[in-house]
Amino acid sequence: MSRVCELTGKGPMTGNNVSHANNKTRRRFLPNLNDTTLQSEALGRSFKLRISAHALRSVDHRGGLDKFLARAKDADLSPNALKIKKAIKKSGMEADVLS
């Protein structure tokens, strides 16, 4: 399982551990990923996604999964999230989501 957020595309970054003696060793900064179940109001069902804590806050801030996906860039979304986005668009609820 890759360590990439399904909604934002946030993944591992690299950097240095720096000791008191200023010795540098390489390290990885991993995103804070959580397995979460999010509810789609347009489709009337829930979806299990592996998303970062930051993405979860963004979904809450935007008013739910449907509104988040309506404004999200397709390049950032995982194939699973793209399927959900297209299903929401197809259901005809997009006009309600964008308003």
Protein backbone atom coordinates (compact mmCIF):
# COMPACT_ATOMS: atom_id res chain seq x y z
CA MET A 1 0.00 0.00 0.00
CA SER A 2 1.52 3.30 -1.08
CA ARG A 3 1.84 6.17 1.33
CA VAL A 4 -0.06 8.71 -0.76
CA CYS A 5 -3.25 10.56 0.15
CA GLU A 6 -6.11 9.60 -2.19
CA LEU A 7 -7.64 13.09 -2.22
CA THR A 8 -4.70 15.49 -2.22
CA GLY A 9 -1.85 13.40 -3.64
CA LYS A 10 0.34 14.27 -0.65
CA GLY A 11 3.18 11.75 -0.33
CA PRO A 12 6.50 11.18 1.45
CA MET A 13 9.14 13.90 1.40
CA THR A 14 12.86 13.63 2.12
CA GLY A 15 15.15 15.70 4.30
CA ASN A 16 17.90 15.49 6.86
CA ASN A 17 18.19 14.54 10.50
CA VAL A 18 20.57 17.13 11.92
CA SER A 19 22.35 16.25 15.16
CA HIS A 20 23.68 18.66 17.77
CA ALA A 21 27.12 18.18 16.19
CA ASN A 22 25.56 19.19 12.82
CA ASN A 23 25.92 15.69 11.34
CA LYS A 24 23.36 15.15 8.59
CA THR A 25 21.71 11.82 7.74
CA ARG A 26 18.89 11.34 5.25
CA ARG A 27 15.36 10.65 6.44
CA ARG A 28 11.78 10.50 5.17
CA PHE A 29 8.86 12.65 6.28
CA LEU A 30 5.71 10.52 5.92
CA PRO A 31 2.20 12.00 5.60
CA ASN A 32 -0.25 11.42 8.44
CA LEU A 33 -2.54 8.94 6.63
CA ASN A 34 -5.75 7.57 8.13
CA ASP A 35 -8.23 4.98 6.88
CA THR A 36 -11.50 6.91 6.84
CA THR A 37 -15.06 6.30 5.73
CA LEU A 38 -16.61 9.36 4.09
CA GLN A 39 -20.30 9.76 3.20
CA SER A 40 -21.41 10.97 -0.25
CA GLU A 41 -24.74 12.78 -0.04
CA ALA A 42 -25.28 12.77 -3.82
CA LEU A 43 -24.81 9.00 -4.13
CA GLY A 44 -26.28 8.10 -0.74
CA ARG A 45 -23.47 5.76 0.24
CA SER A 46 -20.12 5.75 2.02
CA PHE A 47 -16.60 5.19 0.70
CA LYS A 48 -13.46 3.96 2.47
CA LEU A 49 -10.47 6.14 1.62
CA ARG A 50 -6.89 6.46 2.87
CA ILE A 51 -6.46 10.19 3.32
CA SER A 52 -4.21 12.56 5.23
CA ALA A 53 -5.36 14.42 8.34
CA HIS A 54 -5.02 17.66 6.36
CA ALA A 55 -7.36 16.34 3.64
CA LEU A 56 -9.91 15.31 6.26
CA ARG A 57 -9.93 18.86 7.63
CA SER A 58 -10.28 20.21 4.07
CA VAL A 59 -13.25 17.92 3.36
CA ASP A 60 -14.91 19.19 6.56
CA HIS A 61 -14.14 22.80 5.69
CA ARG A 62 -15.58 22.54 2.17
CA GLY A 63 -18.79 20.95 3.41
CA GLY A 64 -18.44 17.27 2.61
CA LEU A 65 -16.93 14.81 0.17
CA ASP A 66 -19.13 15.86 -2.77
CA LYS A 67 -18.17 19.53 -2.59
CA PHE A 68 -14.49 18.68 -2.04
CA LEU A 69 -14.36 16.43 -5.12
CA ALA A 70 -16.24 18.98 -7.25
CA ARG A 71 -13.42 21.49 -6.73
CA ALA A 72 -10.48 19.04 -6.65
CA LYS A 73 -8.01 18.73 -9.54
CA ASP A 74 -8.13 15.40 -11.36
CA ALA A 75 -4.33 15.16 -11.33
CA ASP A 76 -4.26 15.03 -7.51
CA LEU A 77 -6.96 12.38 -7.11
CA SER A 78 -6.36 8.63 -7.01
CA PRO A 79 -8.13 6.38 -9.56
CA ASN A 80 -10.61 5.37 -6.84
CA ALA A 81 -11.42 9.01 -6.00
CA LEU A 82 -11.78 9.82 -9.72
CA LYS A 83 -14.41 7.09 -10.06
CA ILE A 84 -16.33 8.61 -7.13
CA LYS A 85 -16.07 12.10 -8.67
CA LYS A 86 -17.39 10.87 -12.04
CA ALA A 87 -20.25 8.99 -10.37
CA ILE A 88 -21.27 12.16 -8.50
CA LYS A 89 -21.15 14.13 -11.76
CA LYS A 90 -23.22 11.48 -13.51
CA SER A 91 -25.86 11.42 -10.77
CA GLY A 92 -26.93 14.96 -11.68
CA MET A 93 -26.28 16.36 -8.22
CA GLU A 94 -23.37 18.50 -9.42
CA ALA A 95 -25.51 21.64 -9.70
CA ASP A 96 -26.53 21.29 -6.05
CA VAL A 97 -22.95 20.57 -4.96
CA LEU A 98 -21.45 23.63 -6.64
CA SER A 99 -24.03 26.05 -5.24
